Amino acid sequence: MSARESRRQQTRPPGRSWTVRTRVLTTMLAFMVVGLAVTGILTYAVQFRSLEDRVHGELLQEYQELKLIAESTEDDGSFTHTTVDAVLKAATESAAPSDNESVIALIDGLPAHKPRSQDFELVPDDSARSQQVLEQIMAVHEPGRTVTTTMTLGDRELRVLVASVQVAGDDAEGVFVVANNIGVEKQALWQSVATFAGLSVITLLIAGWVGYVVTGRLLKPLGALRSATEQVTVDDLAHRIPVPAANDDISALATNFNRMLERIQIGFAEQRRFMSDVGHELRTPLTIVRGTLETTDLEDPADVREAHEIATDELDRMGRVVGDLSELAASARPDYVRPAPLQMQEFARSAFARIERIAERDWELVRAADVVADADDQRLTQAVVQLAANAVRYSDEGSRICFSVDQVLGPDGPEIHVGVRDEGVGIAEDDQRRIFERFTRVDGARGAGSGLGLPIVRAIAEGHGGVVRLLSAPGRGSTFTLVFPQFTRRTGAEVDTEDGPGTRDAAGPRDGRTIDQREPVGSPRTTTRSS
């Protein structure tokens, strides 16, 4: 088993994992099931309740008609019907039972009257079944009261109203019965429920199929993305996934993933090259120190002193390299450069007072613009000192080094140009393309440098949202100019373009090469070199 397969098994969760497609479909269908179920339950609960209320109202209507007949009077105020039989007869004759409704009048427990036409008969004959019905009615009957109850007669579910009818002066006991076959209407509702459930299932199946097809097409790039993530390793970052033609979130995800891989690939390549350069730079002084110590004659004081000096020099050089590497690492932090309002004339005088003590040169402060700019005093001073030290290293003793701070109107507004110009050896055009790369040094330097000075200067310039302009030619000296906006619109931490942090379109690439032939006012035309 390969190491890649082993890592896959270690990172794969136990059991069978659900795909995004399955989760989307499951969630969608679950919401639809819950929605249809809640809708159906509430709808049919209301309908069943409405049926109960309607049937109860119809029973009460028949009772109200019975009451009106029993209480009807003649012109002289006497009751129209003076016997129980007369009341029940008039009530049944005037009754008009609706569908699924039946009316019957009982006197002393026996059938007496019924409407001429009705949907069904409660007591159709003298059979045993009819006798059971009478017994159930009389069991519910309460003298002097009206009772509503539910009965089951065979396969019928009946809602029954049993009203007691009594007339003064008549000892007969009358019972007025109205029954509604509510079971038939409930059955119709249950059939509607079954129809709704069947249609809901069909709807869910169709929705599930459509969702399966649509999500499959929409999430197809995720499959490619998953495959790509399995193929991408530290040793192979060149794999890219196809981007769908549709302009949606999935396409944006695929595009961003490819861009992320590209950035990671560039970062890994830069890291490998950087580590190789670091190893080479630190291996050389260690080899020198080791070789010197191994060949030193401990009995010879002069040889020991020479070995001590060599070892000390090499260790100092290693210390400078490590310090510069730490500085470059710090430059990647968002807060590496912290712009604040800075009086540029005071800055120029302060920085010039520092650099003129670096070495014996003809130092000259050419210009110091009396303006306020957004800049980091400490980092800007660090960049100027590095450029000045670089100018000293590539120029003769007593030669002129000019320092200037100018305000120049740029394409995007006012800019600050901080320039250091020397009269040194200059640098060839081919070398100008690589001097801002780490550990790059060119011939002609007086004294050894770490090869990290100009990368640090570039990082400081980019942290201010600017660049370093470089003008040079062999034998004509070099000019380094830090160019950055006078007023901060975007800091290094906020800039995120395809060319990298701090790169301005008008300023050119971030590799530090010459971006145009413009130069600060009064500055002679020159070129760049490395530290």
Protein backbone atom coordinates (compact mmCIF):
# COMPACT_ATOMS: atom_id res chain seq x y z
CA MET A 1 0.00 0.00 0.00
CA SER A 2 1.35 3.42 -0.99
CA ALA A 3 1.79 6.27 1.45
CA ARG A 4 -0.89 8.23 -0.38
CA GLU A 5 -3.46 5.43 0.01
CA SER A 6 -2.50 5.06 3.66
CA ARG A 7 -3.15 8.77 4.29
CA ARG A 8 -6.53 8.51 2.56
CA GLN A 9 -7.61 5.65 4.78
CA GLN A 10 -6.47 7.50 7.88
CA THR A 11 -8.41 10.66 7.01
CA ARG A 12 -11.57 8.93 5.71
CA PRO A 13 -14.33 8.93 8.39
CA PRO A 14 -15.56 5.53 9.60
CA GLY A 15 -18.60 4.10 7.88
CA ARG A 16 -20.15 5.20 4.64
CA SER A 17 -20.23 8.96 4.32
CA TRP A 18 -23.10 10.84 2.73
CA THR A 19 -22.37 12.82 -0.38
CA VAL A 20 -23.45 16.44 -0.78
CA ARG A 21 -25.96 15.27 -3.36
CA THR A 22 -27.52 12.79 -0.91
CA ARG A 23 -27.63 15.37 1.87
CA VAL A 24 -29.28 17.99 -0.34
CA LEU A 25 -31.90 15.54 -1.62
CA THR A 26 -32.56 14.10 1.83
CA THR A 27 -32.97 17.54 3.36
CA MET A 28 -35.22 18.74 0.53
CA LEU A 29 -37.43 15.64 0.62
CA ALA A 30 -37.60 15.70 4.43
CA PHE A 31 -38.87 19.28 4.36
CA MET A 32 -41.38 18.37 1.66
CA VAL A 33 -42.63 15.35 3.64
CA VAL A 34 -43.01 17.42 6.79
CA GLY A 35 -44.68 20.24 4.87
CA LEU A 36 -47.15 17.96 3.09
CA ALA A 37 -47.89 16.04 6.29
CA VAL A 38 -48.53 19.16 8.34
CA THR A 39 -50.62 20.68 5.55
CA GLY A 40 -52.71 17.50 5.17
CA ILE A 41 -53.23 17.01 8.90
CA LEU A 42 -54.29 20.60 9.50
CA THR A 43 -56.51 20.71 6.40
CA TYR A 44 -58.38 17.49 7.12
CA ALA A 45 -58.60 18.18 10.84
CA VAL A 46 -60.44 21.37 9.96
CA GLN A 47 -62.69 19.52 7.50
CA PHE A 48 -63.58 16.78 10.01
CA ARG A 49 -64.31 19.42 12.61
CA SER A 50 -66.47 21.31 10.11
CA LEU A 51 -68.37 18.10 9.33
CA GLU A 52 -69.11 17.52 13.02
CA ASP A 53 -70.35 21.08 13.45
CA ARG A 54 -72.55 20.91 10.33
CA VAL A 55 -74.19 17.62 11.33
CA HIS A 56 -74.80 18.91 14.83
CA GLY A 57 -76.39 22.05 13.37
CA GLU A 58 -78.71 20.01 11.14
CA LEU A 59 -79.86 17.92 14.14
CA LEU A 60 -80.55 21.06 16.15
CA GLN A 61 -82.51 22.52 13.25
CA GLU A 62 -84.88 19.54 13.30
CA TYR A 63 -85.25 19.94 17.04
CA GLN A 64 -86.06 23.66 16.68
CA GLU A 65 -88.80 22.82 14.17
CA LEU A 66 -90.23 20.27 16.65
CA LYS A 67 -90.19 22.89 19.37
CA LEU A 68 -92.00 25.42 17.19
CA ILE A 69 -94.73 22.89 16.41
CA ALA A 70 -95.13 21.90 20.07
CA GLU A 71 -95.41 25.55 21.15
CA SER A 72 -97.71 26.74 18.32
CA THR A 73 -101.04 28.29 19.48
CA GLU A 74 -104.40 29.28 18.08
CA ASP A 75 -105.83 32.76 17.92
CA ASP A 76 -107.39 32.34 21.34
CA GLY A 77 -104.05 31.44 22.86
CA SER A 78 -104.66 27.74 23.24
CA PHE A 79 -102.10 25.21 22.02
CA THR A 80 -102.71 23.91 18.55
CA HIS A 81 -101.64 20.37 19.43
CA THR A 82 -102.92 19.03 22.73
CA THR A 83 -101.62 15.50 22.62
CA VAL A 84 -98.20 13.89 22.20
CA ASP A 85 -99.39 12.01 19.17
CA ALA A 86 -100.62 15.22 17.49
CA VAL A 87 -97.32 16.98 18.13
CA LEU A 88 -95.18 14.11 16.80
CA LYS A 89 -97.44 13.57 13.79
CA ALA A 90 -97.25 17.23 12.80
CA ALA A 91 -93.47 17.25 13.35
CA THR A 92 -92.81 14.19 11.20
CA GLU A 93 -95.14 15.33 8.43
CA SER A 94 -93.45 18.70 8.19
CA ALA A 95 -89.93 17.24 8.46
CA ALA A 96 -87.83 17.17 5.28
CA PRO A 97 -84.80 14.99 6.09
CA SER A 98 -81.67 15.81 4.11
CA ASP A 99 -79.36 13.28 2.51
CA ASN A 100 -78.05 10.69 4.95
CA GLU A 101 -80.72 11.74 7.50
CA SER A 102 -83.60 9.79 9.06
CA VAL A 103 -86.48 10.86 11.38
CA ILE A 104 -88.82 8.72 13.48
CA ALA A 105 -91.31 9.44 16.29
CA LEU A 106 -91.92 6.96 19.13
CA ILE A 107 -94.84 6.84 21.56
CA ASP A 108 -94.34 4.75 24.64
CA GLY A 109 -91.34 3.08 23.05
CA LEU A 110 -93.06 2.03 19.83
CA PRO A 111 -92.75 3.53 16.30
CA ALA A 112 -95.62 5.89 15.67
CA HIS A 113 -94.83 8.32 12.86
CA LYS A 114 -92.15 8.98 10.21
CA PRO A 115 -91.75 11.23 7.15
CA ARG A 116 -93.16 10.07 3.85
CA SER A 117 -89.70 10.04 2.25
CA GLN A 118 -86.23 9.86 3.71
CA ASP A 119 -82.78 8.51 2.85
CA PHE A 120 -82.93 5.48 5.12
CA GLU A 121 -85.14 3.99 7.83
CA LEU A 122 -84.02 3.63 11.43
CA VAL A 123 -86.73 1.06 12.21
CA PRO A 124 -87.79 -0.35 8.85
CA ASP A 125 -89.80 -3.35 10.17
CA ASP A 126 -90.49 -5.55 13.17
CA SER A 127 -87.28 -7.55 12.81
CA ALA A 128 -84.91 -8.33 15.66
CA ARG A 129 -82.47 -5.76 14.31
CA SER A 130 -85.14 -3.07 14.44
CA GLN A 131 -85.91 -4.06 18.02
CA GLN A 132 -82.22 -3.62 18.89
CA VAL A 133 -82.33 -0.13 17.43
CA LEU A 134 -85.36 0.74 19.53
CA GLU A 135 -83.68 -0.60 22.61
CA GLN A 136 -80.57 1.53 21.96
CA ILE A 137 -82.71 4.64 21.44
CA MET A 138 -84.70 4.08 24.59
CA ALA A 139 -81.51 3.41 26.52
CA VAL A 140 -80.25 6.85 25.51
CA HIS A 141 -83.61 8.57 26.07
CA GLU A 142 -83.89 10.75 29.18
CA PRO A 143 -87.43 11.98 30.04
CA GLY A 144 -87.71 15.76 29.82
CA ARG A 145 -84.31 16.20 28.12
CA THR A 146 -82.76 16.26 24.66
CA VAL A 147 -79.68 14.09 24.17
CA THR A 148 -77.19 13.94 21.29
CA THR A 149 -75.06 10.80 20.97
CA THR A 150 -73.26 8.55 18.51
CA MET A 151 -74.51 5.08 17.66
CA THR A 152 -73.24 2.27 15.48
CA LEU A 153 -75.99 0.40 13.70
CA GLY A 154 -74.49 -2.33 11.59
CA ASP A 155 -72.01 -0.68 9.25
CA ARG A 156 -73.41 2.79 9.90
CA GLU A 157 -72.00 5.40 12.21
CA LEU A 158 -74.92 7.61 13.24
CA ARG A 159 -75.06 10.92 15.03
CA VAL A 160 -78.44 10.77 16.81
CA LEU A 161 -80.57 13.42 18.53
CA VAL A 162 -83.14 11.95 20.98
CA ALA A 163 -85.69 14.54 22.21
CA SER A 164 -88.31 13.82 24.88
CA VAL A 165 -91.81 15.12 24.01
CA GLN A 166 -94.39 15.61 26.78
CA VAL A 167 -97.75 17.39 26.65
CA ALA A 168 -99.69 18.51 29.71
CA GLY A 169 -102.79 16.42 30.24
CA ASP A 170 -101.44 13.52 28.13
CA ASP A 171 -99.74 10.66 29.95
CA ALA A 172 -98.13 9.27 26.78
CA GLU A 173 -94.35 9.54 26.51
CA GLY A 174 -93.15 10.68 23.12
CA VAL A 175 -89.64 10.47 21.68
CA PHE A 176 -88.55 12.41 18.59
CA VAL A 177 -85.47 10.88 16.97
CA VAL A 178 -83.31 12.43 14.25
CA ALA A 179 -80.32 10.39 12.99
CA ASN A 180 -77.58 11.48 10.57
CA ASN A 181 -75.42 8.88 8.83
CA ILE A 182 -72.21 10.78 9.46
CA GLY A 183 -70.10 7.70 8.64
CA VAL A 184 -70.84 8.12 4.91
CA GLU A 185 -69.48 11.66 4.87
CA LYS A 186 -66.47 10.67 6.97
CA GLN A 187 -65.73 7.90 4.53
CA ALA A 188 -65.77 10.42 1.67
CA LEU A 189 -63.32 12.58 3.61
CA TRP A 190 -61.05 9.59 4.28
CA GLN A 191 -61.06 8.81 0.57
CA SER A 192 -59.97 12.40 -0.02
CA VAL A 193 -57.19 11.89 2.54
CA ALA A 194 -56.04 8.77 0.69
CA THR A 195 -56.08 10.67 -2.60
CA PHE A 196 -54.05 13.50 -1.09
CA ALA A 197 -51.55 11.01 0.36
CA GLY A 198 -51.19 9.24 -2.98
CA LEU A 199 -50.68 12.48 -4.88
CA SER A 200 -48.18 13.59 -2.23
CA VAL A 201 -46.16 10.40 -2.68
CA ILE A 202 -46.17 10.88 -6.46
CA THR A 203 -45.10 14.51 -5.97
CA LEU A 204 -42.26 13.43 -3.68
CA LEU A 205 -41.07 10.83 -6.19
CA ILE A 206 -41.12 13.32 -9.05
CA ALA A 207 -39.43 15.99 -6.92
CA GLY A 208 -36.81 13.47 -5.79
CA TRP A 209 -36.05 12.43 -9.36
CA VAL A 210 -35.88 16.00 -10.63
CA GLY A 211 -33.74 17.00 -7.64
CA TYR A 212 -31.43 14.04 -8.23
CA VAL A 213 -30.88 15.01 -11.86
CA VAL A 214 -30.53 18.76 -11.21
CA THR A 215 -28.21 18.41 -8.21
CA GLY A 216 -26.15 15.90 -10.16
CA ARG A 217 -25.54 18.47 -12.88
CA LEU A 218 -24.98 21.33 -10.46
CA LEU A 219 -22.65 19.39 -8.19
CA LYS A 220 -20.68 17.68 -10.94
CA PRO A 221 -17.75 20.09 -10.43
CA LEU A 222 -17.65 19.02 -6.78
CA GLY A 223 -16.84 15.50 -7.95
CA ALA A 224 -14.01 16.88 -10.04
CA LEU A 225 -12.93 18.99 -7.07
CA ARG A 226 -12.93 15.92 -4.82
CA SER A 227 -10.90 13.99 -7.37
CA ALA A 228 -8.47 16.87 -7.66
CA THR A 229 -7.99 17.10 -3.91
CA GLU A 230 -7.13 13.40 -3.87
CA GLN A 231 -4.55 13.84 -6.61
CA VAL A 232 -2.91 16.99 -5.29
CA THR A 233 0.18 16.32 -3.20
CA VAL A 234 3.22 18.31 -2.13
CA ASP A 235 5.12 16.72 -5.01
CA ASP A 236 2.38 17.36 -7.59
CA LEU A 237 0.56 20.68 -7.45
CA ALA A 238 0.07 21.04 -11.20
CA HIS A 239 -3.35 19.39 -11.32
CA ARG A 240 -6.31 21.67 -12.14
CA ILE A 241 -10.04 20.98 -12.30
CA PRO A 242 -12.26 21.93 -15.26
CA VAL A 243 -14.40 25.03 -14.69
CA PRO A 244 -18.07 24.73 -15.80
CA ALA A 245 -19.35 27.21 -18.33
CA ALA A 246 -22.21 28.26 -16.04
CA ASN A 247 -21.71 31.43 -14.03
CA ASP A 248 -22.72 30.18 -10.57
CA ASP A 249 -21.29 29.43 -7.13
CA ILE A 250 -19.93 26.04 -8.21
CA SER A 251 -18.03 27.63 -11.09
CA ALA A 252 -16.68 30.28 -8.72
CA LEU A 253 -15.59 27.54 -6.32
CA ALA A 254 -13.77 25.67 -9.08
CA THR A 255 -12.08 28.88 -10.25
CA ASN A 256 -11.01 29.83 -6.74
CA PHE A 257 -9.73 26.31 -6.12
CA ASN A 258 -7.56 26.48 -9.23
CA ARG A 259 -6.27 29.88 -8.16
CA MET A 260 -5.54 28.54 -4.69
CA LEU A 261 -3.56 25.65 -6.17
CA GLU A 262 -1.65 28.09 -8.34
CA ARG A 263 -0.76 30.23 -5.33
CA ILE A 264 0.23 27.18 -3.32
CA GLN A 265 2.34 25.88 -6.20
CA ILE A 266 4.14 29.21 -6.49
CA GLY A 267 4.59 29.33 -2.72
CA PHE A 268 6.04 25.83 -2.57
CA ALA A 269 8.40 26.56 -5.44
CA GLU A 270 9.52 29.75 -3.73
CA GLN A 271 9.91 27.90 -0.44
CA ARG A 272 12.02 25.16 -2.01
CA ARG A 273 14.24 27.69 -3.74
CA PHE A 274 14.47 29.74 -0.57
CA MET A 275 15.42 26.73 1.56
CA SER A 276 17.99 25.71 -1.02
CA ASP A 277 19.50 29.20 -0.96
CA VAL A 278 19.45 29.29 2.84
CA GLY A 279 21.15 25.91 3.03
CA HIS A 280 23.81 27.06 0.61
CA GLU A 281 24.38 30.38 2.37
CA LEU A 282 24.72 28.81 5.82
CA ARG A 283 26.64 25.74 4.66
CA THR A 284 29.52 27.79 3.28
CA PRO A 285 30.46 29.65 6.50
CA LEU A 286 30.03 26.45 8.51
CA THR A 287 32.39 24.66 6.13
CA ILE A 288 34.91 27.48 6.42
CA VAL A 289 34.75 27.48 10.21
CA ARG A 290 35.06 23.71 10.41
CA GLY A 291 37.95 23.59 7.95
CA THR A 292 39.71 26.43 9.77
CA LEU A 293 39.38 24.75 13.16
CA GLU A 294 40.53 21.40 11.83
CA THR A 295 43.70 22.86 10.28
CA THR A 296 44.58 25.21 13.13
CA ASP A 297 47.88 24.50 14.86
CA LEU A 298 47.03 24.81 18.52
CA GLU A 299 50.72 25.19 19.39
CA ASP A 300 51.02 28.28 17.17
CA PRO A 301 49.46 31.38 18.84
CA ALA A 302 49.42 33.30 15.54
CA ASP A 303 47.59 30.48 13.80
CA VAL A 304 45.08 30.32 16.65
CA ARG A 305 44.45 34.07 16.48
CA GLU A 306 43.94 33.88 12.71
CA ALA A 307 41.51 30.95 13.10
CA HIS A 308 39.64 32.90 15.78
CA GLU A 309 39.28 35.92 13.51
CA ILE A 310 38.11 33.80 10.59
CA ALA A 311 35.58 31.94 12.72
CA THR A 312 34.30 35.19 14.25
CA ASP A 313 33.88 36.82 10.83
CA GLU A 314 32.00 33.82 9.45
CA LEU A 315 29.75 33.60 12.50
CA ASP A 316 29.02 37.33 12.20
CA ARG A 317 28.08 36.79 8.58
CA MET A 318 25.79 33.91 9.58
CA GLY A 319 24.23 36.15 12.20
CA ARG A 320 23.52 38.81 9.60
CA VAL A 321 21.95 36.24 7.28
CA VAL A 322 19.74 34.87 10.06
CA GLY A 323 18.75 38.38 11.12
CA ASP A 324 17.85 39.33 7.55
CA LEU A 325 15.87 36.12 7.14
CA SER A 326 13.93 36.93 10.29
CA GLU A 327 13.26 40.40 8.93
CA LEU A 328 11.94 38.96 5.65
CA ALA A 329 9.74 36.53 7.54
CA ALA A 330 8.36 39.40 9.61
CA SER A 331 7.59 41.35 6.42
CA ALA A 332 4.87 38.82 5.58
CA ARG A 333 2.83 39.89 8.63
CA PRO A 334 -0.09 42.25 8.00
CA ASP A 335 1.19 44.66 10.65
CA TYR A 336 4.76 44.75 9.38
CA VAL A 337 4.20 48.28 8.06
CA ARG A 338 2.02 50.60 10.13
CA PRO A 339 1.46 53.87 8.23
CA ALA A 340 0.80 57.00 10.24
CA PRO A 341 0.99 60.72 9.41
CA LEU A 342 4.70 61.53 9.03
CA GLN A 343 6.37 64.93 8.43
CA MET A 344 8.63 64.05 5.52
CA GLN A 345 11.05 66.99 5.95
CA GLU A 346 11.80 65.95 9.53
CA PHE A 347 12.08 62.34 8.42
CA ALA A 348 14.56 63.27 5.67
CA ARG A 349 16.81 65.17 8.10
CA SER A 350 16.66 62.38 10.69
CA ALA A 351 17.40 59.67 8.14
CA PHE A 352 20.24 61.71 6.58
CA ALA A 353 21.82 62.18 10.00
CA ARG A 354 21.98 58.41 10.30
CA ILE A 355 23.27 57.45 6.87
CA GLU A 356 26.03 60.09 6.66
CA ARG A 357 27.85 58.24 9.45
CA ILE A 358 27.90 54.91 7.64
CA ALA A 359 31.18 55.57 5.76
CA GLU A 360 33.44 58.29 4.38
CA ARG A 361 31.50 59.57 1.40
CA ASP A 362 30.44 62.95 0.10
CA TRP A 363 26.92 62.80 1.49
CA GLU A 364 24.39 65.33 0.20
CA LEU A 365 20.77 65.94 1.17
CA VAL A 366 19.44 67.22 -2.15
CA ARG A 367 15.78 67.83 -1.30
CA ALA A 368 13.44 67.36 1.65
CA ALA A 369 9.82 67.95 0.71
CA ASP A 370 7.88 69.82 3.42
CA VAL A 371 4.77 67.62 3.26
CA VAL A 372 2.96 65.12 5.45
CA ALA A 373 2.52 61.56 4.19
CA ASP A 374 1.16 58.29 5.52
CA ALA A 375 4.25 56.19 6.22
CA ASP A 376 5.93 54.02 8.83
CA ASP A 377 8.86 56.07 10.18
CA GLN A 378 10.80 53.07 11.49
CA ARG A 379 10.46 50.88 8.38
CA LEU A 380 11.10 53.75 5.99
CA THR A 381 14.28 54.65 7.90
CA GLN A 382 15.32 51.00 7.77
CA ALA A 383 14.90 50.97 3.98
CA VAL A 384 16.89 54.20 3.56
CA VAL A 385 19.75 52.91 5.74
CA GLN A 386 19.83 49.69 3.73
CA LEU A 387 19.93 51.60 0.44
CA ALA A 388 22.65 53.88 1.77
CA ALA A 389 24.73 50.91 2.95
CA ASN A 390 24.22 49.36 -0.48
CA ALA A 391 25.43 52.58 -2.14
CA VAL A 392 28.54 52.61 0.08
CA ARG A 393 29.32 49.02 -0.81
CA TYR A 394 29.28 49.75 -4.55
CA SER A 395 31.04 53.14 -4.59
CA ASP A 396 34.52 54.48 -3.95
CA GLU A 397 35.57 56.33 -0.83
CA GLY A 398 34.98 60.06 -1.19
CA SER A 399 32.41 59.68 -3.99
CA ARG A 400 29.11 61.46 -3.81
CA ILE A 401 25.92 59.86 -2.49
CA CYS A 402 22.76 61.94 -2.78
CA PHE A 403 19.63 61.51 -0.69
CA SER A 404 16.29 63.14 -1.52
CA VAL A 405 12.65 63.12 -0.50
CA ASP A 406 10.26 64.52 -3.13
CA GLN A 407 6.56 64.94 -3.68
CA VAL A 408 5.59 63.98 -7.26
CA LEU A 409 2.19 63.98 -8.91
CA GLY A 410 1.57 60.40 -10.01
CA PRO A 411 -1.16 58.86 -12.17
CA ASP A 412 -3.27 58.07 -9.10
CA GLY A 413 -2.51 61.17 -7.06
CA PRO A 414 0.45 62.63 -5.17
CA GLU A 415 3.36 60.26 -4.51
CA ILE A 416 6.38 60.33 -2.24
CA HIS A 417 9.73 59.54 -3.88
CA VAL A 418 12.56 58.64 -1.49
CA GLY A 419 15.75 58.30 -3.52
CA VAL A 420 19.37 57.30 -2.90
CA ARG A 421 21.82 57.97 -5.78
CA ASP A 422 25.49 56.98 -5.88
CA GLU A 423 28.35 57.29 -8.34
CA GLY A 424 29.45 53.68 -8.03
CA VAL A 425 30.13 50.88 -10.48
CA GLY A 426 26.51 50.47 -11.56
CA ILE A 427 25.14 47.15 -12.73
CA ALA A 428 24.51 45.41 -16.03
CA GLU A 429 21.00 45.19 -17.44
CA ASP A 430 20.88 41.38 -17.13
CA ASP A 431 21.68 41.62 -13.42
CA GLN A 432 18.98 44.22 -12.89
CA ARG A 433 16.36 41.54 -13.50
CA ARG A 434 17.43 39.45 -10.52
CA ILE A 435 18.95 41.73 -7.91
CA PHE A 436 15.76 41.82 -5.83
CA GLU A 437 15.78 38.06 -5.49
CA ARG A 438 17.02 36.65 -2.22
CA PHE A 439 20.76 35.91 -1.85
CA THR A 440 21.54 37.58 -5.17
CA ARG A 441 24.81 39.52 -5.29
CA VAL A 442 26.68 41.05 -8.21
CA ASP A 443 30.30 41.80 -8.75
CA GLY A 444 31.87 45.05 -7.72
CA ALA A 445 30.87 45.16 -4.04
CA ARG A 446 33.28 46.34 -1.39
CA GLY A 447 32.58 44.05 1.52
CA ALA A 448 30.28 41.09 1.77
CA GLY A 449 26.52 41.35 2.03
CA SER A 450 23.85 38.80 2.80
CA GLY A 451 21.99 39.29 -0.47
CA LEU A 452 18.80 40.03 1.50
CA GLY A 453 18.98 43.80 1.80
CA LEU A 454 17.11 44.72 -1.37
CA PRO A 455 14.35 42.10 -0.82
CA ILE A 456 13.77 43.75 2.57
CA VAL A 457 13.63 47.19 0.92
CA ARG A 458 11.14 45.87 -1.61
CA ALA A 459 8.99 44.39 1.19
CA ILE A 460 8.95 47.76 2.96
CA ALA A 461 7.98 49.56 -0.25
CA GLU A 462 5.17 47.10 -0.95
CA GLY A 463 4.00 47.43 2.65
CA HIS A 464 3.47 51.13 1.90
CA GLY A 465 1.51 50.24 -1.25
CA GLY A 466 4.39 51.19 -3.51
CA VAL A 467 7.44 49.87 -5.40
CA VAL A 468 11.15 50.39 -5.78
CA ARG A 469 12.29 52.01 -9.04
CA LEU A 470 15.75 51.14 -10.21
CA LEU A 471 17.85 53.03 -12.77
CA SER A 472 21.43 52.12 -13.53
CA ALA A 473 24.12 51.55 -16.12
CA PRO A 474 27.64 50.14 -15.72
CA GLY A 475 30.09 52.86 -14.68
CA ARG A 476 27.39 55.49 -14.15
CA GLY A 477 26.20 54.66 -10.68
CA SER A 478 22.77 53.64 -9.50
CA THR A 479 19.60 55.23 -8.20
CA PHE A 480 17.13 53.51 -5.90
CA THR A 481 13.78 55.26 -5.48
CA LEU A 482 11.04 54.17 -3.10
CA VAL A 483 7.74 55.30 -4.61
CA PHE A 484 4.52 55.10 -2.57
CA PRO A 485 1.22 57.04 -2.35
CA GLN A 486 1.36 60.11 -0.15
CA PHE A 487 -1.97 59.20 1.39
CA THR A 488 -2.77 55.59 2.24
CA ARG A 489 -5.68 54.11 0.36
CA ARG A 490 -4.58 50.52 0.57
CA THR A 491 -2.02 49.13 2.96
CA GLY A 492 0.09 46.11 2.23
CA ALA A 493 -2.24 43.94 4.32
CA GLU A 494 -5.26 45.07 2.31
CA VAL A 495 -3.84 44.69 -1.21
CA ASP A 496 -4.55 41.35 -2.84
CA THR A 497 -3.97 41.32 -6.55
CA GLU A 498 -2.75 38.63 -8.88
CA ASP A 499 0.73 40.14 -8.84
CA GLY A 500 0.95 39.93 -5.07
CA PRO A 501 0.61 42.24 -2.07
CA GLY A 502 1.41 45.86 -2.52
CA THR A 503 1.70 45.78 -6.30
CA ARG A 504 0.14 48.73 -8.03
CA ASP A 505 -0.83 48.41 -11.67
CA ALA A 506 0.82 51.67 -12.56
CA ALA A 507 3.97 50.77 -10.71
CA GLY A 508 4.75 47.47 -12.40
CA PRO A 509 5.78 43.98 -11.25
CA ARG A 510 6.84 43.14 -7.75
CA ASP A 511 10.19 41.63 -8.76
CA GLY A 512 11.82 45.06 -8.41
CA ARG A 513 12.77 45.58 -12.07
CA THR A 514 12.70 49.01 -13.67
CA ILE A 515 9.09 49.91 -14.31
CA ASP A 516 9.47 53.10 -16.38
CA GLN A 517 12.00 55.74 -17.24
CA ARG A 518 10.59 58.43 -14.98
CA GLU A 519 12.71 59.65 -12.11
CA PRO A 520 12.41 62.18 -9.31
CA VAL A 521 12.85 65.81 -10.25
CA GLY A 522 16.54 66.69 -10.38
CA SER A 523 17.79 63.09 -10.17
CA PRO A 524 20.25 61.96 -12.85
CA ARG A 525 19.54 58.85 -14.88
CA THR A 526 21.08 55.72 -13.32
CA THR A 527 20.48 51.97 -12.65
CA THR A 528 20.12 49.39 -9.86
CA ARG A 529 22.25 46.84 -8.10
CA SER A 530 22.01 44.37 -5.23
CA SER A 531 23.16 44.58 -1.69
